[in-house]
Amino acid sequence: MSEIIAQRVIEESVPGKQVTLAHVIAAPIQEVYESLGVENNGAIGILTISPYEAAIIAADIAGKSAGVTVGFLDRFTGSVLLNGDVESVEVALESVVSGLKNLLDFEVVSVTKS
């Protein structure tokens, strides 16, 4: 009689300290603003960060570095949405990426723009 051995694999997500997306949408269509529930201020900045709680730090850095509004912050997914004029959103995202890299030794991506 042959013995059947079952293997159980447990996969777990263990995020490192990283910024995985830093993107400026320079002139979103109006439907994007409406679906997000934020005002049309010229641009939207999007960040995804892990560990997720670092989204709080990112929003604070962004708000202190440029004239942006935090449109959305989710400490359970690491998502941050900023809005403001294009230049302010760009400055804010660059400050977040630089700050997290230099202060907290995060792995970061370049800020992109569309």
PDB file of N, CA and C in Angstrom:
ATOM      1  N   MET A   1       0.845  -1.154   0.000  1.00  0.00           N
ATOM      2  CA  MET A   1       0.000   0.000   0.000  1.00  0.00           C
ATOM      3  C   MET A   1       0.904   1.235   0.000  1.00  0.00           C
ATOM      4  N   SER A   2       0.645   2.192  -0.924  1.00  0.00           N
ATOM      5  CA  SER A   2       1.468   3.393  -0.995  1.00  0.00           C
ATOM      6  C   SER A   2       0.883   4.474  -0.096  1.00  0.00           C
ATOM      7  N   GLU A   3       1.770   5.203   0.447  1.00  0.00           N
ATOM      8  CA  GLU A   3       1.372   6.269   1.370  1.00  0.00           C
ATOM      9  C   GLU A   3       1.275   7.590   0.612  1.00  0.00           C
ATOM     10  N   ILE A   4       0.189   8.306   0.788  1.00  0.00           N
ATOM     11  CA  ILE A   4       0.009   9.602   0.161  1.00  0.00           C
ATOM     12  C   ILE A   4       0.364  10.667   1.186  1.00  0.00           C
ATOM     13  N   ILE A   5       1.288  11.518   0.780  1.00  0.00           N
ATOM     14  CA  ILE A   5       1.708  12.597   1.667  1.00  0.00           C
ATOM     15  C   ILE A   5       1.211  13.913   1.082  1.00  0.00           C
ATOM     16  N   ALA A   6       0.429  14.610   1.840  1.00  0.00           N
ATOM     17  CA  ALA A   6      -0.082  15.910   1.389  1.00  0.00           C
ATOM     18  C   ALA A   6       0.826  17.009   1.932  1.00  0.00           C
ATOM     19  N   GLN A   7       1.137  17.928   1.076  1.00  0.00           N
ATOM     20  CA  GLN A   7       1.927  19.067   1.495  1.00  0.00           C
ATOM     21  C   GLN A   7       1.031  20.288   1.524  1.00  0.00           C
ATOM     22  N   ARG A   8       1.250  21.055   2.518  1.00  0.00           N
ATOM     23  CA  ARG A   8       0.518  22.303   2.647  1.00  0.00           C
ATOM     24  C   ARG A   8       1.519  23.443   2.544  1.00  0.00           C
ATOM     25  N   VAL A   9       1.252  24.373   1.635  1.00  0.00           N
ATOM     26  CA  VAL A   9       2.128  25.511   1.437  1.00  0.00           C
ATOM     27  C   VAL A   9       1.411  26.757   1.917  1.00  0.00           C
ATOM     28  N   ILE A  10       2.086  27.490   2.753  1.00  0.00           N
ATOM     29  CA  ILE A  10       1.522  28.741   3.251  1.00  0.00           C
ATOM     30  C   ILE A  10       2.343  29.872   2.654  1.00  0.00           C
ATOM     31  N   GLU A  11       1.670  30.758   1.940  1.00  0.00           N
ATOM     32  CA  GLU A  11       2.340  31.912   1.373  1.00  0.00           C
ATOM     33  C   GLU A  11       1.944  33.137   2.175  1.00  0.00           C
ATOM     34  N   GLU A  12       2.918  33.928   2.432  1.00  0.00           N
ATOM     35  CA  GLU A  12       2.695  35.116   3.241  1.00  0.00           C
ATOM     36  C   GLU A  12       3.375  36.300   2.580  1.00  0.00           C
ATOM     37  N   SER A  13       2.699  37.427   2.555  1.00  0.00           N
ATOM     38  CA  SER A  13       3.298  38.630   2.009  1.00  0.00           C
ATOM     39  C   SER A  13       4.038  39.350   3.119  1.00  0.00           C
ATOM     40  N   VAL A  14       5.318  39.530   2.932  1.00  0.00           N
ATOM     41  CA  VAL A  14       6.132  40.241   3.905  1.00  0.00           C
ATOM     42  C   VAL A  14       6.747  41.436   3.192  1.00  0.00           C
ATOM     43  N   PRO A  15       6.041  42.549   3.221  1.00  0.00           N
ATOM     44  CA  PRO A  15       6.547  43.697   2.475  1.00  0.00           C
ATOM     45  C   PRO A  15       7.813  44.267   3.096  1.00  0.00           C
ATOM     46  N   GLY A  16       8.683  44.722   2.224  1.00  0.00           N
ATOM     47  CA  GLY A  16       9.861  45.445   2.678  1.00  0.00           C
ATOM     48  C   GLY A  16       9.516  46.908   2.812  1.00  0.00           C
ATOM     49  N   LYS A  17      10.498  47.703   3.057  1.00  0.00           N
ATOM     50  CA  LYS A  17      10.291  49.154   3.118  1.00  0.00           C
ATOM     51  C   LYS A  17      10.471  49.677   1.712  1.00  0.00           C
ATOM     52  N   GLN A  18       9.351  49.990   1.053  1.00  0.00           N
ATOM     53  CA  GLN A  18       9.457  50.401  -0.334  1.00  0.00           C
ATOM     54  C   GLN A  18       8.301  51.286  -0.799  1.00  0.00           C
ATOM     55  N   VAL A  19       8.646  52.158  -1.723  1.00  0.00           N
ATOM     56  CA  VAL A  19       7.656  52.920  -2.476  1.00  0.00           C
ATOM     57  C   VAL A  19       7.568  52.211  -3.817  1.00  0.00           C
ATOM     58  N   THR A  20       6.391  51.675  -4.146  1.00  0.00           N
ATOM     59  CA  THR A  20       6.253  50.901  -5.380  1.00  0.00           C
ATOM     60  C   THR A  20       5.631  51.697  -6.519  1.00  0.00           C
ATOM     61  N   LEU A  21       5.013  52.838  -6.215  1.00  0.00           N
ATOM     62  CA  LEU A  21       4.445  53.692  -7.245  1.00  0.00           C
ATOM     63  C   LEU A  21       4.445  55.130  -6.755  1.00  0.00           C
ATOM     64  N   ALA A  22       4.900  56.029  -7.587  1.00  0.00           N
ATOM     65  CA  ALA A  22       4.851  57.469  -7.317  1.00  0.00           C
ATOM     66  C   ALA A  22       4.577  58.123  -8.663  1.00  0.00           C
ATOM     67  N   HIS A  23       3.322  58.477  -8.895  1.00  0.00           N
ATOM     68  CA  HIS A  23       2.924  58.928 -10.229  1.00  0.00           C
ATOM     69  C   HIS A  23       2.080  60.189 -10.164  1.00  0.00           C
ATOM     70  N   VAL A  24       2.352  61.109 -11.085  1.00  0.00           N
ATOM     71  CA  VAL A  24       1.587  62.343 -11.227  1.00  0.00           C
ATOM     72  C   VAL A  24       0.696  62.213 -12.456  1.00  0.00           C
ATOM     73  N   ILE A  25      -0.594  62.435 -12.285  1.00  0.00           N
ATOM     74  CA  ILE A  25      -1.505  62.561 -13.420  1.00  0.00           C
ATOM     75  C   ILE A  25      -1.734  64.058 -13.575  1.00  0.00           C
ATOM     76  N   ALA A  26      -1.146  64.641 -14.621  1.00  0.00           N
ATOM     77  CA  ALA A  26      -1.098  66.096 -14.758  1.00  0.00           C
ATOM     78  C   ALA A  26      -2.450  66.742 -15.029  1.00  0.00           C
ATOM     79  N   ALA A  27      -3.290  66.121 -15.794  1.00  0.00           N
ATOM     80  CA  ALA A  27      -4.594  66.717 -16.111  1.00  0.00           C
ATOM     81  C   ALA A  27      -5.628  65.611 -16.271  1.00  0.00           C
ATOM     82  N   PRO A  28      -6.056  65.019 -15.164  1.00  0.00           N
ATOM     83  CA  PRO A  28      -7.021  63.918 -15.255  1.00  0.00           C
ATOM     84  C   PRO A  28      -8.338  64.371 -15.878  1.00  0.00           C
ATOM     85  N   ILE A  29      -9.022  63.432 -16.503  1.00  0.00           N
ATOM     86  CA  ILE A  29     -10.351  63.735 -17.008  1.00  0.00           C
ATOM     87  C   ILE A  29     -11.286  63.952 -15.822  1.00  0.00           C
ATOM     88  N   GLN A  30     -12.338  64.704 -16.014  1.00  0.00           N
ATOM     89  CA  GLN A  30     -13.244  65.065 -14.923  1.00  0.00           C
ATOM     90  C   GLN A  30     -13.833  63.843 -14.221  1.00  0.00           C
ATOM     91  N   GLU A  31     -14.077  62.774 -14.955  1.00  0.00           N
ATOM     92  CA  GLU A  31     -14.659  61.566 -14.363  1.00  0.00           C
ATOM     93  C   GLU A  31     -13.757  60.961 -13.287  1.00  0.00           C
ATOM     94  N   VAL A  32     -12.448  61.135 -13.448  1.00  0.00           N
ATOM     95  CA  VAL A  32     -11.524  60.620 -12.432  1.00  0.00           C
ATOM     96  C   VAL A  32     -11.745  61.380 -11.126  1.00  0.00           C
ATOM     97  N   TYR A  33     -11.803  62.697 -11.196  1.00  0.00           N
ATOM     98  CA  TYR A  33     -12.071  63.490  -9.992  1.00  0.00           C
ATOM     99  C   TYR A  33     -13.402  63.101  -9.355  1.00  0.00           C
ATOM    100  N   GLU A  34     -14.420  62.971 -10.185  1.00  0.00           N
ATOM    101  CA  GLU A  34     -15.752  62.636  -9.670  1.00  0.00           C
ATOM    102  C   GLU A  34     -15.768  61.272  -9.000  1.00  0.00           C
ATOM    103  N   SER A  35     -15.130  60.279  -9.615  1.00  0.00           N
ATOM    104  CA  SER A  35     -15.149  58.937  -9.034  1.00  0.00           C
ATOM    105  C   SER A  35     -14.330  58.852  -7.752  1.00  0.00           C
ATOM    106  N   LEU A  36     -13.318  59.710  -7.630  1.00  0.00           N
ATOM    107  CA  LEU A  36     -12.507  59.728  -6.413  1.00  0.00           C
ATOM    108  C   LEU A  36     -13.098  60.624  -5.327  1.00  0.00           C
ATOM    109  N   GLY A  37     -13.978  61.525  -5.737  1.00  0.00           N
ATOM    110  CA  GLY A  37     -14.581  62.435  -4.761  1.00  0.00           C
ATOM    111  C   GLY A  37     -13.633  63.523  -4.302  1.00  0.00           C
ATOM    112  N   VAL A  38     -12.723  63.949  -5.184  1.00  0.00           N
ATOM    113  CA  VAL A  38     -11.805  65.038  -4.844  1.00  0.00           C
ATOM    114  C   VAL A  38     -12.006  66.188  -5.823  1.00  0.00           C
ATOM    115  N   GLU A  39     -11.597  67.372  -5.402  1.00  0.00           N
ATOM    116  CA  GLU A  39     -11.753  68.553  -6.237  1.00  0.00           C
ATOM    117  C   GLU A  39     -10.749  68.555  -7.386  1.00  0.00           C
ATOM    118  N   ASN A  40     -11.151  69.189  -8.481  1.00  0.00           N
ATOM    119  CA  ASN A  40     -10.272  69.331  -9.631  1.00  0.00           C
ATOM    120  C   ASN A  40      -9.335  70.506  -9.366  1.00  0.00           C
ATOM    121  N   ASN A  41      -8.126  70.194  -8.917  1.00  0.00           N
ATOM    122  CA  ASN A  41      -7.132  71.217  -8.621  1.00  0.00           C
ATOM    123  C   ASN A  41      -5.983  71.213  -9.620  1.00  0.00           C
ATOM    124  N   GLY A  42      -6.103  70.442 -10.678  1.00  0.00           N
ATOM    125  CA  GLY A  42      -5.078  70.446 -11.716  1.00  0.00           C
ATOM    126  C   GLY A  42      -4.318  69.151 -11.864  1.00  0.00           C
ATOM    127  N   ALA A  43      -4.018  68.464 -10.758  1.00  0.00           N
ATOM    128  CA  ALA A  43      -3.232  67.228 -10.838  1.00  0.00           C
ATOM    129  C   ALA A  43      -3.562  66.308  -9.665  1.00  0.00           C
ATOM    130  N   ILE A  44      -3.270  65.041  -9.884  1.00  0.00           N
ATOM    131  CA  ILE A  44      -3.424  64.027  -8.836  1.00  0.00           C
ATOM    132  C   ILE A  44      -2.095  63.307  -8.707  1.00  0.00           C
ATOM    133  N   GLY A  45      -1.673  63.057  -7.489  1.00  0.00           N
ATOM    134  CA  GLY A  45      -0.480  62.266  -7.217  1.00  0.00           C
ATOM    135  C   GLY A  45      -0.888  60.978  -6.539  1.00  0.00           C
ATOM    136  N   ILE A  46      -0.295  59.865  -6.958  1.00  0.00           N
ATOM    137  CA  ILE A  46      -0.630  58.558  -6.413  1.00  0.00           C
ATOM    138  C   ILE A  46       0.634  57.917  -5.864  1.00  0.00           C
ATOM    139  N   LEU A  47       0.540  57.400  -4.657  1.00  0.00           N
ATOM    140  CA  LEU A  47       1.642  56.670  -4.030  1.00  0.00           C
ATOM    141  C   LEU A  47       1.140  55.336  -3.520  1.00  0.00           C
ATOM    142  N   THR A  48       1.961  54.302  -3.649  1.00  0.00           N
ATOM    143  CA  THR A  48       1.720  53.047  -2.930  1.00  0.00           C
ATOM    144  C   THR A  48       2.998  52.719  -2.175  1.00  0.00           C
ATOM    145  N   ILE A  49       2.811  52.375  -0.912  1.00  0.00           N
ATOM    146  CA  ILE A  49       3.933  52.264   0.021  1.00  0.00           C
ATOM    147  C   ILE A  49       3.755  51.041   0.912  1.00  0.00           C
ATOM    148  N   SER A  50       4.873  50.398   1.225  1.00  0.00           N
ATOM    149  CA  SER A  50       4.848  49.368   2.258  1.00  0.00           C
ATOM    150  C   SER A  50       6.067  49.554   3.153  1.00  0.00           C
ATOM    151  N   PRO A  51       5.970  49.312   4.442  1.00  0.00           N
ATOM    152  CA  PRO A  51       4.772  48.863   5.124  1.00  0.00           C
ATOM    153  C   PRO A  51       3.672  49.923   5.040  1.00  0.00           C
ATOM    154  N   TYR A  52       2.465  49.445   5.074  1.00  0.00           N
ATOM    155  CA  TYR A  52       1.306  50.281   4.810  1.00  0.00           C
ATOM    156  C   TYR A  52       1.190  51.497   5.716  1.00  0.00           C
ATOM    157  N   GLU A  53       1.587  51.349   6.962  1.00  0.00           N
ATOM    158  CA  GLU A  53       1.485  52.463   7.911  1.00  0.00           C
ATOM    159  C   GLU A  53       2.366  53.651   7.513  1.00  0.00           C
ATOM    160  N   ALA A  54       3.370  53.401   6.692  1.00  0.00           N
ATOM    161  CA  ALA A  54       4.248  54.490   6.248  1.00  0.00           C
ATOM    162  C   ALA A  54       3.500  55.480   5.358  1.00  0.00           C
ATOM    163  N   ALA A  55       2.308  55.128   4.910  1.00  0.00           N
ATOM    164  CA  ALA A  55       1.479  56.066   4.146  1.00  0.00           C
ATOM    165  C   ALA A  55       1.179  57.306   4.980  1.00  0.00           C
ATOM    166  N   ILE A  56       1.104  57.148   6.273  1.00  0.00           N
ATOM    167  CA  ILE A  56       0.856  58.280   7.169  1.00  0.00           C
ATOM    168  C   ILE A  56       2.056  59.226   7.129  1.00  0.00           C
ATOM    169  N   ILE A  57       3.247  58.674   7.174  1.00  0.00           N
ATOM    170  CA  ILE A  57       4.467  59.485   7.102  1.00  0.00           C
ATOM    171  C   ILE A  57       4.544  60.182   5.749  1.00  0.00           C
ATOM    172  N   ALA A  58       4.220  59.445   4.693  1.00  0.00           N
ATOM    173  CA  ALA A  58       4.272  60.010   3.341  1.00  0.00           C
ATOM    174  C   ALA A  58       3.315  61.188   3.198  1.00  0.00           C
ATOM    175  N   ALA A  59       2.113  61.059   3.705  1.00  0.00           N
ATOM    176  CA  ALA A  59       1.138  62.150   3.617  1.00  0.00           C
ATOM    177  C   ALA A  59       1.616  63.370   4.384  1.00  0.00           C
ATOM    178  N   ASP A  60       2.245  63.150   5.527  1.00  0.00           N
ATOM    179  CA  ASP A  60       2.769  64.263   6.317  1.00  0.00           C
ATOM    180  C   ASP A  60       3.910  64.973   5.583  1.00  0.00           C
ATOM    181  N   ILE A  61       4.838  64.205   5.024  1.00  0.00           N
ATOM    182  CA  ILE A  61       5.939  64.794   4.260  1.00  0.00           C
ATOM    183  C   ILE A  61       5.382  65.596   3.079  1.00  0.00           C
ATOM    184  N   ALA A  62       4.435  65.018   2.362  1.00  0.00           N
ATOM    185  CA  ALA A  62       3.852  65.683   1.188  1.00  0.00           C
ATOM    186  C   ALA A  62       3.199  67.003   1.570  1.00  0.00           C
ATOM    187  N   GLY A  63       2.406  66.986   2.618  1.00  0.00           N
ATOM    188  CA  GLY A  63       1.703  68.190   3.042  1.00  0.00           C
ATOM    189  C   GLY A  63       2.619  69.289   3.534  1.00  0.00           C
ATOM    190  N   LYS A  64       3.753  68.919   4.111  1.00  0.00           N
ATOM    191  CA  LYS A  64       4.708  69.910   4.617  1.00  0.00           C
ATOM    192  C   LYS A  64       5.621  70.453   3.526  1.00  0.00           C
ATOM    193  N   SER A  65       5.722  69.733   2.405  1.00  0.00           N
ATOM    194  CA  SER A  65       6.671  70.130   1.372  1.00  0.00           C
ATOM    195  C   SER A  65       6.068  70.956   0.247  1.00  0.00           C
ATOM    196  N   ALA A  66       4.755  70.908   0.090  1.00  0.00           N
ATOM    197  CA  ALA A  66       4.124  71.605  -1.043  1.00  0.00           C
ATOM    198  C   ALA A  66       2.653  71.850  -0.732  1.00  0.00           C
ATOM    199  N   GLY A  67       2.050  72.707  -1.532  1.00  0.00           N
ATOM    200  CA  GLY A  67       0.643  73.052  -1.348  1.00  0.00           C
ATOM    201  C   GLY A  67      -0.282  72.018  -1.942  1.00  0.00           C
ATOM    202  N   VAL A  68      -0.328  70.853  -1.322  1.00  0.00           N
ATOM    203  CA  VAL A  68      -1.196  69.780  -1.787  1.00  0.00           C
ATOM    204  C   VAL A  68      -2.213  69.426  -0.708  1.00  0.00           C
ATOM    205  N   THR A  69      -3.273  68.780  -1.146  1.00  0.00           N
ATOM    206  CA  THR A  69      -4.297  68.265  -0.248  1.00  0.00           C
ATOM    207  C   THR A  69      -4.225  66.747  -0.267  1.00  0.00           C
ATOM    208  N   VAL A  70      -4.356  66.136   0.885  1.00  0.00           N
ATOM    209  CA  VAL A  70      -4.425  64.675   0.949  1.00  0.00           C
ATOM    210  C   VAL A  70      -5.877  64.300   0.642  1.00  0.00           C
ATOM    211  N   GLY A  71      -6.088  63.738  -0.545  1.00  0.00           N
ATOM    212  CA  GLY A  71      -7.436  63.358  -0.963  1.00  0.00           C
ATOM    213  C   GLY A  71      -7.847  62.010  -0.424  1.00  0.00           C
ATOM    214  N   PHE A  72      -6.857  61.161  -0.140  1.00  0.00           N
ATOM    215  CA  PHE A  72      -7.133  59.810   0.338  1.00  0.00           C
ATOM    216  C   PHE A  72      -5.876  59.272   0.988  1.00  0.00           C
ATOM    217  N   LEU A  73      -6.051  58.577   2.098  1.00  0.00           N
ATOM    218  CA  LEU A  73      -4.949  57.944   2.814  1.00  0.00           C
ATOM    219  C   LEU A  73      -5.481  56.654   3.409  1.00  0.00           C
ATOM    220  N   ASP A  74      -4.864  55.541   3.066  1.00  0.00           N
ATOM    221  CA  ASP A  74      -5.308  54.253   3.594  1.00  0.00           C
ATOM    222  C   ASP A  74      -4.131  53.534   4.237  1.00  0.00           C
ATOM    223  N   ARG A  75      -4.117  53.513   5.544  1.00  0.00           N
ATOM    224  CA  ARG A  75      -3.019  52.873   6.270  1.00  0.00           C
ATOM    225  C   ARG A  75      -3.117  51.350   6.255  1.00  0.00           C
ATOM    226  N   PHE A  76      -4.184  50.813   5.653  1.00  0.00           N
ATOM    227  CA  PHE A  76      -4.327  49.363   5.547  1.00  0.00           C
ATOM    228  C   PHE A  76      -3.891  48.824   4.185  1.00  0.00           C
ATOM    229  N   THR A  77      -3.699  49.721   3.193  1.00  0.00           N
ATOM    230  CA  THR A  77      -3.220  49.290   1.881  1.00  0.00           C
ATOM    231  C   THR A  77      -1.983  50.052   1.432  1.00  0.00           C
ATOM    232  N   GLY A  78      -1.621  51.104   2.150  1.00  0.00           N
ATOM    233  CA  GLY A  78      -0.459  51.898   1.791  1.00  0.00           C
ATOM    234  C   GLY A  78      -0.696  52.845   0.633  1.00  0.00           C
ATOM    235  N   SER A  79      -1.941  53.187   0.377  1.00  0.00           N
ATOM    236  CA  SER A  79      -2.283  54.078  -0.730  1.00  0.00           C
ATOM    237  C   SER A  79      -2.439  55.510  -0.249  1.00  0.00           C
ATOM    238  N   VAL A  80      -1.887  56.441  -1.028  1.00  0.00           N
ATOM    239  CA  VAL A  80      -2.023  57.861  -0.743  1.00  0.00           C
ATOM    240  C   VAL A  80      -2.373  58.560  -2.054  1.00  0.00           C
ATOM    241  N   LEU A  81      -3.366  59.431  -2.008  1.00  0.00           N
ATOM    242  CA  LEU A  81      -3.730  60.239  -3.157  1.00  0.00           C
ATOM    243  C   LEU A  81      -3.618  61.697  -2.759  1.00  0.00           C
ATOM    244  N   LEU A  82      -2.888  62.447  -3.539  1.00  0.00           N
ATOM    245  CA  LEU A  82      -2.698  63.872  -3.290  1.00  0.00           C
ATOM    246  C   LEU A  82      -3.316  64.645  -4.435  1.00  0.00           C
ATOM    247  N   ASN A  83      -3.763  65.863  -4.172  1.00  0.00           N
ATOM    248  CA  ASN A  83      -4.145  66.696  -5.299  1.00  0.00           C
ATOM    249  C   ASN A  83      -3.766  68.137  -5.058  1.00  0.00           C
ATOM    250  N   GLY A  84      -3.576  68.830  -6.176  1.00  0.00           N
ATOM    251  CA  GLY A  84      -3.140  70.213  -6.165  1.00  0.00           C
ATOM    252  C   GLY A  84      -2.701  70.590  -7.559  1.00  0.00           C
ATOM    253  N   ASP A  85      -2.017  71.708  -7.695  1.00  0.00           N
ATOM    254  CA  ASP A  85      -1.514  72.061  -9.019  1.00  0.00           C
ATOM    255  C   ASP A  85      -0.365  71.121  -9.369  1.00  0.00           C
ATOM    256  N   VAL A  86      -0.061  71.035 -10.659  1.00  0.00           N
ATOM    257  CA  VAL A  86       0.921  70.061 -11.154  1.00  0.00           C
ATOM    258  C   VAL A  86       2.269  70.199 -10.453  1.00  0.00           C
ATOM    259  N   GLU A  87       2.767  71.415 -10.374  1.00  0.00           N
ATOM    260  CA  GLU A  87       4.088  71.622  -9.766  1.00  0.00           C
ATOM    261  C   GLU A  87       4.101  71.194  -8.296  1.00  0.00           C
ATOM    262  N   SER A  88       3.070  71.532  -7.551  1.00  0.00           N
ATOM    263  CA  SER A  88       3.008  71.164  -6.134  1.00  0.00           C
ATOM    264  C   SER A  88       2.941  69.659  -5.947  1.00  0.00           C
ATOM    265  N   VAL A  89       2.170  68.984  -6.776  1.00  0.00           N
ATOM    266  CA  VAL A  89       2.069  67.527  -6.676  1.00  0.00           C
ATOM    267  C   VAL A  89       3.416  66.883  -6.999  1.00  0.00           C
ATOM    268  N   GLU A  90       4.090  67.379  -8.027  1.00  0.00           N
ATOM    269  CA  GLU A  90       5.414  66.847  -8.363  1.00  0.00           C
ATOM    270  C   GLU A  90       6.406  67.051  -7.218  1.00  0.00           C
ATOM    271  N   VAL A  91       6.431  68.251  -6.656  1.00  0.00           N
ATOM    272  CA  VAL A  91       7.331  68.550  -5.541  1.00  0.00           C
ATOM    273  C   VAL A  91       7.011  67.638  -4.358  1.00  0.00           C
ATOM    274  N   ALA A  92       5.739  67.467  -4.067  1.00  0.00           N
ATOM    275  CA  ALA A  92       5.330  66.625  -2.940  1.00  0.00           C
ATOM    276  C   ALA A  92       5.776  65.179  -3.132  1.00  0.00           C
ATOM    277  N   LEU A  93       5.558  64.621  -4.328  1.00  0.00           N
ATOM    278  CA  LEU A  93       5.958  63.233  -4.570  1.00  0.00           C
ATOM    279  C   LEU A  93       7.472  63.072  -4.507  1.00  0.00           C
ATOM    280  N   GLU A  94       8.205  64.015  -5.090  1.00  0.00           N
ATOM    281  CA  GLU A  94       9.670  63.957  -5.018  1.00  0.00           C
ATOM    282  C   GLU A  94      10.141  64.029  -3.564  1.00  0.00           C
ATOM    283  N   SER A  95       9.494  64.868  -2.765  1.00  0.00           N
ATOM    284  CA  SER A  95       9.861  64.989  -1.348  1.00  0.00           C
ATOM    285  C   SER A  95       9.582  63.709  -0.583  1.00  0.00           C
ATOM    286  N   VAL A  96       8.456  63.083  -0.872  1.00  0.00           N
ATOM    287  CA  VAL A  96       8.112  61.812  -0.203  1.00  0.00           C
ATOM    288  C   VAL A  96       9.136  60.747  -0.566  1.00  0.00           C
ATOM    289  N   VAL A  97       9.394  60.585  -1.855  1.00  0.00           N
ATOM    290  CA  VAL A  97      10.337  59.557  -2.307  1.00  0.00           C
ATOM    291  C   VAL A  97      11.716  59.796  -1.692  1.00  0.00           C
ATOM    292  N   SER A  98      12.178  61.025  -1.758  1.00  0.00           N
ATOM    293  CA  SER A  98      13.486  61.370  -1.198  1.00  0.00           C
ATOM    294  C   SER A  98      13.515  61.184   0.318  1.00  0.00           C
ATOM    295  N   GLY A  99      12.484  61.652   0.981  1.00  0.00           N
ATOM    296  CA  GLY A  99      12.421  61.548   2.439  1.00  0.00           C
ATOM    297  C   GLY A  99      12.410  60.118   2.926  1.00  0.00           C
ATOM    298  N   LEU A 100      11.583  59.288   2.308  1.00  0.00           N
ATOM    299  CA  LEU A 100      11.526  57.893   2.744  1.00  0.00           C
ATOM    300  C   LEU A 100      12.833  57.164   2.448  1.00  0.00           C
ATOM    301  N   LYS A 101      13.469  57.511   1.337  1.00  0.00           N
ATOM    302  CA  LYS A 101      14.753  56.885   1.011  1.00  0.00           C
ATOM    303  C   LYS A 101      15.846  57.320   1.986  1.00  0.00           C
ATOM    304  N   ASN A 102      15.968  58.614   2.200  1.00  0.00           N
ATOM    305  CA  ASN A 102      17.070  59.137   3.010  1.00  0.00           C
ATOM    306  C   ASN A 102      16.854  59.010   4.514  1.00  0.00           C
ATOM    307  N   LEU A 103      15.634  59.176   4.967  1.00  0.00           N
ATOM    308  CA  LEU A 103      15.368  59.124   6.409  1.00  0.00           C
ATOM    309  C   LEU A 103      15.156  57.707   6.924  1.00  0.00           C
ATOM    310  N   LEU A 104      14.475  56.884   6.111  1.00  0.00           N
ATOM    311  CA  LEU A 104      14.066  55.568   6.602  1.00  0.00           C
ATOM    312  C   LEU A 104      14.627  54.407   5.784  1.00  0.00           C
ATOM    313  N   ASP A 105      15.549  54.706   4.869  1.00  0.00           N
ATOM    314  CA  ASP A 105      16.222  53.672   4.081  1.00  0.00           C
ATOM    315  C   ASP A 105      15.255  52.810   3.267  1.00  0.00           C
ATOM    316  N   PHE A 106      14.259  53.457   2.651  1.00  0.00           N
ATOM    317  CA  PHE A 106      13.304  52.756   1.793  1.00  0.00           C
ATOM    318  C   PHE A 106      13.914  52.518   0.418  1.00  0.00           C
ATOM    319  N   GLU A 107      13.498  51.471  -0.242  1.00  0.00           N
ATOM    320  CA  GLU A 107      13.742  51.273  -1.668  1.00  0.00           C
ATOM    321  C   GLU A 107      12.657  52.102  -2.360  1.00  0.00           C
ATOM    322  N   VAL A 108      13.039  52.857  -3.374  1.00  0.00           N
ATOM    323  CA  VAL A 108      12.057  53.742  -4.011  1.00  0.00           C
ATOM    324  C   VAL A 108      12.099  53.610  -5.529  1.00  0.00           C
ATOM    325  N   VAL A 109      11.043  54.112  -6.145  1.00  0.00           N
ATOM    326  CA  VAL A 109      10.969  54.208  -7.607  1.00  0.00           C
ATOM    327  C   VAL A 109      11.088  55.672  -7.983  1.00  0.00           C
ATOM    328  N   SER A 110      11.303  55.927  -9.256  1.00  0.00           N
ATOM    329  CA  SER A 110      11.311  57.300  -9.752  1.00  0.00           C
ATOM    330  C   SER A 110       9.869  57.802  -9.845  1.00  0.00           C
ATOM    331  N   VAL A 111       9.694  59.093  -9.691  1.00  0.00           N
ATOM    332  CA  VAL A 111       8.386  59.703  -9.881  1.00  0.00           C
ATOM    333  C   VAL A 111       8.123  59.746 -11.385  1.00  0.00           C
ATOM    334  N   THR A 112       6.965  59.234 -11.789  1.00  0.00           N
ATOM    335  CA  THR A 112       6.574  59.238 -13.193  1.00  0.00           C
ATOM    336  C   THR A 112       5.414  60.207 -13.379  1.00  0.00           C
ATOM    337  N   LYS A 113       5.122  60.529 -14.644  1.00  0.00           N
ATOM    338  CA  LYS A 113       4.091  61.535 -14.929  1.00  0.00           C
ATOM    339  C   LYS A 113       3.381  61.220 -16.232  1.00  0.00           C
ATOM    340  N   SER A 114       2.081  61.418 -16.227  1.00  0.00           N
ATOM    341  CA  SER A 114       1.310  61.266 -17.471  1.00  0.00           C
ATOM    342  C   SER A 114       0.352  62.440 -17.607  1.00  0.00           C
TER     343      SER A 114
END
